[in-house]
Protein backbone atom coordinates (compact mmCIF):
# COMPACT_ATOMS: atom_id res chain seq x y z
CA MET A 1 -36.38 -65.43 65.64
CA LYS A 2 -37.29 -61.80 64.92
CA LYS A 3 -38.76 -62.70 61.53
CA LEU A 4 -40.87 -65.46 63.09
CA THR A 5 -42.15 -63.12 65.80
CA LEU A 6 -43.09 -60.50 63.22
CA LEU A 7 -44.87 -63.08 61.10
CA LEU A 8 -46.94 -64.28 64.03
CA LEU A 9 -47.80 -60.73 65.00
CA CYS A 10 -49.02 -59.92 61.51
CA LEU A 11 -51.11 -63.10 61.42
CA SER A 12 -52.69 -62.23 64.76
CA ILE A 13 -53.58 -58.73 63.59
CA SER A 14 -55.17 -60.00 60.38
CA ILE A 15 -57.40 -62.43 62.28
CA ILE A 16 -58.56 -59.75 64.71
CA ALA A 17 -59.38 -57.33 61.89
CA TYR A 18 -61.35 -60.00 60.03
CA SER A 19 -63.16 -60.96 63.22
CA GLN A 20 -64.14 -57.38 63.97
CA ALA A 21 -65.55 -56.94 60.44
CA LEU A 22 -67.56 -60.13 60.70
CA PHE A 23 -69.09 -59.52 64.15
CA LEU A 24 -70.07 -55.88 64.51
CA LYS A 25 -70.91 -53.91 67.63
CA THR A 26 -73.70 -51.97 65.92
CA LYS A 27 -76.32 -53.09 63.45
CA PRO A 28 -75.57 -52.10 59.81
CA ALA A 29 -77.77 -49.28 58.58
CA ASN A 30 -81.07 -50.13 56.88
CA THR A 31 -80.97 -53.81 57.87
CA LYS A 32 -83.25 -56.10 59.86
CA SER A 33 -82.18 -59.00 62.04
CA ALA A 34 -83.22 -62.38 60.64
CA VAL A 35 -82.84 -63.85 64.14
CA ASN A 36 -82.43 -62.09 67.48
CA PHE A 37 -80.97 -64.26 70.26
CA THR A 38 -82.17 -62.32 73.29
CA GLU A 39 -81.03 -64.95 75.78
CA PRO A 40 -77.29 -65.43 76.54
CA SER A 41 -77.30 -69.18 75.91
CA PRO A 42 -75.59 -71.56 73.43
CA ASN A 43 -76.96 -71.61 69.89
CA VAL A 44 -76.03 -72.56 66.34
CA MET A 45 -76.85 -70.70 63.14
CA PHE A 46 -76.32 -71.79 59.54
CA PHE A 47 -76.19 -69.48 56.53
CA GLY A 48 -75.65 -70.18 52.88
CA VAL A 49 -76.15 -69.24 49.27
CA ASP A 50 -76.18 -72.11 46.79
CA ASP A 51 -73.08 -71.66 44.63
CA GLY A 52 -73.69 -74.86 42.73
CA THR A 53 -70.75 -76.69 44.26
CA ILE A 54 -70.54 -80.06 45.94
CA ASN A 55 -69.29 -78.24 49.04
CA PHE A 56 -72.63 -76.45 49.41
CA LYS A 57 -74.45 -79.78 49.16
CA ASN A 58 -72.17 -81.08 51.89
CA HIS A 59 -72.97 -77.98 53.98
CA LYS A 60 -76.71 -78.71 53.75
CA LEU A 61 -76.15 -82.40 54.48
CA LYS A 62 -74.07 -81.69 57.60
CA GLY A 63 -76.68 -79.19 58.78
CA LYS A 64 -79.38 -81.87 58.58
CA GLU A 65 -77.13 -84.31 60.44
CA ILE A 66 -76.66 -81.81 63.27
CA ASN A 67 -80.40 -81.25 63.59
CA LYS A 68 -80.91 -85.00 63.64
CA TYR A 69 -78.11 -85.53 66.16
CA PHE A 70 -79.52 -83.07 68.67
CA GLY A 71 -83.08 -84.24 68.07
CA ALA A 72 -85.67 -82.06 69.81
CA VAL A 73 -84.45 -78.50 70.15
CA TYR A 74 -84.52 -77.13 73.69
CA SER A 75 -85.05 -73.43 74.25
CA ASN A 76 -81.50 -73.16 75.60
CA PHE A 77 -79.95 -74.57 72.41
CA PRO A 78 -81.77 -73.26 69.31
CA ILE A 79 -80.59 -74.17 65.80
CA PHE A 80 -81.49 -71.81 62.96
CA ASP A 81 -80.78 -71.58 59.23
CA ILE A 82 -81.03 -68.02 57.90
CA GLY A 83 -80.25 -68.95 54.29
CA LYS A 84 -79.59 -65.72 52.35
CA GLU A 85 -80.53 -63.36 55.20
CA ASN A 86 -77.78 -60.98 56.32
CA VAL A 87 -78.00 -60.07 60.02
CA VAL A 88 -78.18 -62.08 63.24
CA GLU A 89 -78.21 -60.35 66.62
CA TYR A 90 -76.62 -61.81 69.77
CA HIS A 91 -77.22 -60.54 73.31
CA ASN A 92 -74.36 -62.43 74.95
CA ALA A 93 -73.15 -62.12 78.52
CA ASN A 94 -69.91 -60.38 77.50
CA GLY A 95 -71.28 -58.14 74.79
CA HIS A 96 -73.82 -57.35 72.10
CA PHE A 97 -72.78 -58.67 68.66
CA PHE A 98 -74.16 -58.47 65.14
CA PHE A 99 -73.24 -61.12 62.59
CA TYR A 100 -73.15 -59.58 59.10
CA ARG A 101 -73.13 -62.24 56.37
CA PRO A 102 -71.78 -60.09 53.47
CA ASN A 103 -68.55 -59.53 55.43
CA THR A 104 -67.81 -63.25 55.61
CA LYS A 105 -66.85 -63.41 51.92
CA LYS A 106 -68.00 -67.03 52.16
CA PRO A 107 -70.97 -68.59 50.31
CA PHE A 108 -71.96 -70.68 53.33
CA GLY A 109 -70.97 -71.59 56.88
CA MET A 110 -71.98 -72.08 60.49
CA VAL A 111 -71.80 -69.71 63.45
CA ILE A 112 -71.61 -71.01 67.02
CA SER A 113 -72.26 -68.92 70.11
CA ASN A 114 -71.61 -70.06 73.66
CA GLY A 115 -73.86 -67.30 75.00
CA LYS A 116 -70.92 -65.53 76.61
CA ASP A 117 -68.24 -64.44 74.16
CA GLN A 118 -68.13 -63.27 70.56
CA PRO A 119 -69.47 -66.08 68.33
CA ILE A 120 -67.16 -68.04 66.04
CA LEU A 121 -67.40 -68.90 62.34
CA VAL A 122 -66.84 -72.38 60.90
CA THR A 123 -66.66 -72.78 57.11
CA HIS A 124 -65.69 -76.44 56.68
CA PRO A 125 -68.85 -78.61 56.84
CA ASP A 126 -66.94 -81.72 57.91
CA GLN A 127 -65.89 -79.85 61.05
CA TYR A 128 -69.37 -78.62 62.05
CA LEU A 129 -70.42 -81.27 64.57
CA LYS A 130 -66.92 -81.75 65.98
CA THR A 131 -66.53 -77.99 66.54
CA ILE A 132 -69.92 -77.70 68.25
CA LYS A 133 -69.09 -80.50 70.66
CA THR A 134 -65.58 -79.16 71.33
CA TYR A 135 -66.40 -75.46 71.61
CA LEU A 136 -69.50 -75.99 73.76
CA ASN A 137 -67.89 -78.87 75.68
CA ILE A 138 -70.64 -81.31 74.76
CA GLY A 139 -69.53 -84.88 75.27
CA ASN A 140 -73.02 -86.22 74.71
CA ALA A 141 -76.21 -84.58 73.48
CA ASP A 142 -78.37 -86.30 76.07
CA TYR A 143 -78.26 -83.41 78.54
CA LEU A 144 -79.58 -81.05 75.88
CA VAL A 145 -82.39 -83.14 74.46
CA PRO A 146 -84.98 -85.58 75.78
CA LYS A 147 -84.78 -89.29 75.05
CA THR A 148 -86.57 -90.19 71.84
CA LEU A 149 -88.65 -93.27 71.17
CA ASP A 150 -86.84 -93.95 67.92
CA ALA A 151 -83.41 -94.57 69.51
CA ASN A 152 -83.62 -98.16 68.34
CA ASN A 153 -85.00 -98.20 64.82
CA GLU A 154 -85.32 -101.98 64.82
CA LYS A 155 -88.01 -101.89 67.50
CA ASN A 156 -91.44 -102.73 66.27
CA ALA A 157 -93.98 -99.94 66.76
CA GLN A 158 -96.43 -102.33 68.36
CA GLN A 159 -93.79 -103.26 70.91
CA GLU A 160 -93.10 -99.60 71.57
CA MET A 161 -96.76 -98.91 72.19
CA ALA A 162 -97.03 -101.96 74.42
CA GLN A 163 -94.10 -100.69 76.47
CA ILE A 164 -95.67 -97.23 76.77
CA LEU A 165 -98.91 -98.75 78.02
CA LYS A 166 -96.96 -100.51 80.79
CA ILE A 167 -95.52 -97.27 82.19
CA LYS A 168 -96.50 -96.64 85.79
CA PHE A 169 -95.84 -93.08 86.90
CA ALA A 170 -97.68 -91.45 89.78
CA THR A 171 -98.67 -87.87 89.09
CA ASP A 172 -99.63 -85.45 91.84
CA LYS A 173 -101.41 -82.12 92.11
CA ASN A 174 -98.19 -80.12 91.63
CA TYR A 175 -97.26 -82.06 88.48
CA ALA A 176 -100.75 -81.63 87.04
CA SER A 177 -100.94 -77.93 87.84
CA LYS A 178 -97.56 -77.14 86.28
CA LEU A 179 -98.17 -79.22 83.16
CA ILE A 180 -101.67 -77.85 82.50
CA LYS A 181 -100.41 -74.28 82.92
CA ASN A 182 -97.21 -74.48 80.86
CA VAL A 183 -97.30 -77.35 78.37
CA ASN A 184 -99.23 -75.42 75.65
CA SER A 185 -99.98 -78.60 73.69
CA VAL A 186 -102.96 -79.58 71.58
CA HIS A 187 -104.59 -81.17 74.65
CA TYR A 188 -103.90 -78.35 77.11
CA SER A 189 -104.37 -74.97 75.47
CA LYS A 190 -102.73 -72.00 77.13
CA VAL A 191 -105.06 -69.60 78.92
CA TYR A 192 -104.14 -66.04 77.98
CA ASP A 193 -104.68 -63.05 80.23
CA ASP A 194 -105.38 -60.70 77.33
CA GLY A 195 -108.49 -58.95 78.60
CA SER A 196 -110.87 -61.07 76.52
CA ILE A 197 -114.29 -61.89 77.89
CA ARG A 198 -114.27 -65.33 79.55
CA MET A 199 -116.99 -67.85 78.80
CA ASN A 200 -118.21 -69.72 81.86
CA CYS A 201 -121.33 -71.38 80.45
CA LYS A 202 -121.25 -75.17 80.44
CA GLU A 203 -122.73 -75.59 76.94
CA ARG A 204 -121.34 -73.76 73.91
CA ILE A 205 -122.54 -73.96 70.32
CA PHE A 206 -120.15 -73.49 67.41
CA GLU A 207 -121.57 -72.51 64.01
CA MET A 208 -119.89 -71.64 60.71
CA PHE A 209 -121.04 -69.29 57.96
CA GLY A 210 -120.01 -68.84 54.36
CA ASP A 211 -120.18 -65.03 54.38
CA SER A 212 -119.17 -62.14 56.64
CA LEU A 213 -122.81 -61.10 57.18
CA MET A 214 -123.56 -64.58 58.58
CA THR A 215 -126.51 -65.20 56.28
CA MET A 216 -125.12 -68.40 54.66
CA LYS A 217 -125.03 -70.94 57.45
CA SER A 218 -122.76 -73.94 56.96
CA THR A 219 -124.06 -77.47 57.37
CA TYR A 220 -121.21 -78.21 59.78
CA GLY A 221 -121.14 -77.25 63.44
CA ALA A 222 -120.26 -78.48 66.93
CA LYS A 223 -121.45 -78.48 70.52
CA TYR A 224 -119.10 -78.34 73.52
CA LEU A 225 -119.89 -79.28 77.11
CA TYR A 226 -117.72 -78.13 80.04
CA ASN A 227 -117.58 -78.99 83.74
CA ASP A 228 -117.53 -76.63 86.72
CA LYS A 229 -113.76 -76.11 86.29
CA ASN A 230 -114.25 -74.94 82.70
CA GLU A 231 -112.65 -78.16 81.38
CA MET A 232 -114.07 -79.76 78.24
CA GLU A 233 -116.00 -82.96 78.89
CA LEU A 234 -117.70 -83.60 75.56
CA MET A 235 -117.48 -82.38 71.97
CA VAL A 236 -120.22 -83.34 69.52
CA ASN A 237 -119.88 -82.69 65.78
CA THR A 238 -123.06 -81.89 63.88
CA VAL A 239 -124.15 -81.99 60.23
CA ASP A 240 -127.39 -80.17 59.44
CA GLY A 241 -128.04 -79.99 63.16
CA LYS A 242 -127.79 -83.76 63.67
CA GLU A 243 -125.07 -85.44 65.74
CA ASN A 244 -122.26 -86.87 63.63
CA GLY A 245 -119.48 -88.09 65.92
CA TYR A 246 -118.27 -87.21 69.37
CA SER A 247 -115.21 -87.02 71.66
CA LYS A 248 -115.66 -87.67 75.37
CA TYR A 249 -112.95 -86.59 77.84
CA GLU A 250 -112.21 -88.43 81.08
CA ARG A 251 -110.05 -86.55 83.61
CA ASP A 252 -108.69 -87.31 87.06
CA GLU A 253 -109.32 -85.17 90.14
CA ASP A 254 -106.32 -82.94 89.32
CA GLY A 255 -107.55 -82.13 85.79
CA LEU A 256 -105.20 -84.40 83.81
CA ILE A 257 -106.79 -86.09 80.82
CA ARG A 258 -106.67 -89.87 81.24
CA LYS A 259 -108.75 -90.98 78.27
CA ILE A 260 -110.57 -89.64 75.20
CA ILE A 261 -113.28 -91.81 73.64
CA SER A 262 -114.09 -90.77 70.06
CA GLY A 263 -116.49 -92.20 67.49
CA ASP A 264 -120.12 -92.46 66.51
CA GLU A 265 -123.06 -94.78 67.22
CA LYS A 266 -121.38 -97.64 65.29
CA LEU A 267 -117.75 -97.57 66.45
CA ALA A 268 -115.63 -95.81 69.07
CA ASP A 269 -111.85 -95.51 69.39
CA THR A 270 -110.00 -94.78 72.61
CA THR A 271 -106.95 -92.60 73.20
CA VAL A 272 -105.24 -93.22 76.52
CA PHE A 273 -102.82 -90.79 78.21
CA ILE A 274 -99.65 -92.00 79.94
CA TYR A 275 -97.56 -89.50 81.89
CA GLU A 276 -93.87 -89.49 82.79
CA LYS A 277 -91.60 -87.01 84.53
CA ASP A 278 -90.28 -85.38 81.35
CA LYS A 279 -92.92 -86.34 78.76
CA TYR A 280 -96.42 -87.64 78.23
CA HIS A 281 -97.73 -90.09 75.65
CA THR A 282 -101.02 -90.77 73.94
CA VAL A 283 -101.79 -94.17 72.42
CA SER A 284 -104.81 -94.56 70.15
CA LEU A 285 -106.58 -97.90 70.07
CA SER A 286 -109.28 -99.32 67.80
CA ARG A 287 -111.08 -102.44 69.02
CA GLY A 288 -108.43 -102.67 71.72
CA LYS A 289 -105.47 -102.72 69.28
CA PRO A 290 -102.99 -99.77 69.24
CA TYR A 291 -102.65 -98.10 65.83
CA SER A 292 -100.77 -94.84 66.50
CA PHE A 293 -99.01 -92.97 69.28
CA GLU A 294 -97.67 -89.55 70.13
CA THR A 295 -95.05 -88.34 72.57
CA PHE A 296 -94.93 -84.78 73.90
CA PHE A 297 -91.44 -84.06 75.26
CA LEU A 298 -91.17 -81.56 78.13
CA ASN A 299 -88.36 -79.29 79.31
CA ASP A 300 -87.69 -78.33 82.92
CA GLN A 301 -90.55 -75.79 82.84
CA MET A 302 -92.87 -78.54 81.50
CA GLN A 303 -93.25 -76.73 78.21
CA CYS A 304 -93.73 -78.98 75.19
CA VAL A 305 -90.52 -78.81 73.12
CA ARG A 306 -91.28 -81.61 70.69
CA ARG A 307 -94.35 -83.41 69.35
CA LEU A 308 -93.48 -86.77 67.79
CA SER A 309 -96.28 -88.83 66.22
CA LYS A 310 -96.04 -92.26 64.54
CA ARG A 311 -98.33 -94.86 63.05
CA SER A 312 -98.16 -98.56 63.83
CA ASP A 313 -95.93 -99.12 60.77
CA GLN A 314 -93.37 -96.61 62.14
CA SER A 315 -94.26 -94.03 59.46
CA LEU A 316 -94.15 -90.44 60.69
CA ILE A 317 -97.25 -88.32 61.19
CA TRP A 318 -95.75 -85.31 62.95
CA ASP A 319 -92.33 -84.25 64.17
CA ILE A 320 -92.59 -80.67 65.39
CA THR A 321 -90.20 -78.80 67.67
CA TYR A 322 -90.93 -75.66 69.68
CA ILE A 323 -88.70 -72.90 71.06
CA TYR A 324 -89.84 -70.53 73.82
CA ASP A 325 -88.58 -67.15 74.98
CA LYS A 326 -87.93 -66.26 78.62
CA PHE A 327 -91.59 -65.25 79.05
CA GLY A 328 -92.82 -68.74 78.12
CA ARG A 329 -94.07 -67.72 74.67
CA ILE A 330 -93.50 -69.84 71.57
CA ILE A 331 -91.17 -68.03 69.15
CA ARG A 332 -90.43 -70.87 66.72
CA GLU A 333 -92.34 -73.90 65.52
CA GLY A 334 -90.18 -76.10 63.34
CA LYS A 335 -90.67 -79.10 61.07
CA VAL A 336 -88.18 -80.93 58.85
CA ASP A 337 -88.93 -78.77 55.82
CA SER A 338 -90.56 -75.65 57.27
CA GLU A 339 -90.66 -73.32 60.25
CA MET A 340 -92.94 -70.68 61.72
CA ILE A 341 -91.44 -67.66 63.51
CA TYR A 342 -93.69 -65.71 65.90
CA GLN A 343 -93.23 -62.04 66.82
CA TYR A 344 -94.48 -60.10 69.86
CA LYS A 345 -94.75 -56.32 70.11
CA ASN A 346 -93.51 -56.07 73.67
CA ASP A 347 -92.53 -58.17 76.68
CA SER A 348 -95.98 -58.00 78.26
CA ASP A 349 -97.89 -59.39 75.26
CA SER A 350 -98.96 -62.99 75.72
CA ILE A 351 -100.40 -63.43 72.21
CA PHE A 352 -98.18 -63.04 69.13
CA SER A 353 -98.67 -59.95 66.98
CA GLY A 354 -97.33 -61.48 63.78
CA PHE A 355 -95.78 -64.55 62.25
CA SER A 356 -93.61 -65.53 59.29
CA SER A 357 -93.73 -68.91 57.57
CA PHE A 358 -90.61 -70.26 55.87
CA SER A 359 -89.84 -73.28 53.77
CA LEU A 360 -86.39 -74.72 54.42
CA ASN A 361 -83.50 -76.08 52.34
CA PRO A 362 -83.28 -73.44 50.98
CA ARG A 363 -84.93 -71.11 53.43
CA LYS A 364 -87.64 -69.07 51.70
CA LEU A 365 -90.32 -66.77 53.08
CA ASN A 366 -93.75 -68.09 52.10
CA LEU A 367 -96.11 -66.04 54.24
CA GLN A 368 -95.91 -63.05 56.56
CA ASN A 369 -98.81 -61.74 58.59
CA GLU A 370 -99.38 -59.08 61.21
CA LEU A 371 -102.35 -59.43 63.54
CA ILE A 372 -104.19 -56.38 64.80
CA ARG A 373 -106.13 -57.01 68.00
CA GLU A 374 -108.44 -54.75 69.93
CA LYS A 375 -109.10 -55.38 73.59
CA ASN A 376 -112.08 -57.62 74.25
CA LYS A 377 -112.49 -58.27 70.48
């Protein structure tokens, strides 16, 4: 009995020592955090260096399966892959922790944080999904992610679009106001309070030039018309000063777009907008027949967390996910094979000060830019 007790004690000590080396209380000198989880909420992080083994291939495969399983990533459950980067910072409820990859002595793995305690390391890919669901007490992913249109892959896209067009959901002023303010989608651009001069004129001319001195005027341009609420009503493209296509916006009394008619003097297509409680759709029709659709999934703050676009043959156009910080600013824009990470200088900045573009699988930095802005310029 004494030998058994001693053995268990030694095992316990070894695990604690390893754990303390892996998750540090202070950031290692001369290092930068690849990811900084500033919010104490559940998250998953993958890391890995290709060691040429079948186990690493399994690690990448299981990582893709987890991203697919959870679908659109909500801001309260981000999933990152840091690849060869070394440091991840956690601001959890019960402490501040730094994951330091070199101390793992493992070529790849997954780290799970519940947002409260010290994160845990999992190094067996076949256990990734099971451990996430067990550790975070997730019986079903539905409460984390919105319902997707592709839940039944056997559905015909035309049938899906027909079903969307049948949706009857009554919006009100509160719904419209919150969506327009927070959604930050391609149809409802965010208005930034950055000190810039506001344009209130109803007609605006857009011209392009081929040089910085603006002496080489481009043949392409555009004209925009706005209503009294500063909402776009008409966009007209021009070539050599002549009209060459248009987009006309139809809105309801609360400012929600209900229809966009686009085309030229020969043919016009229509894009209709259908709203639901936790998403809105657009269906594009040509000669009355649907040919593509998009769904913009919303979280509780009515921020767009996923943009899913398909053609009538079910082929994918876009599948983009978005993560926001606690100030409502986008910090990550992710696709299947790439991601964009946005940085802000301080909590009060509404416009990002820099961004980094990465290709994924493996994760590789492709572009890094810092923007320098002067007030009112």
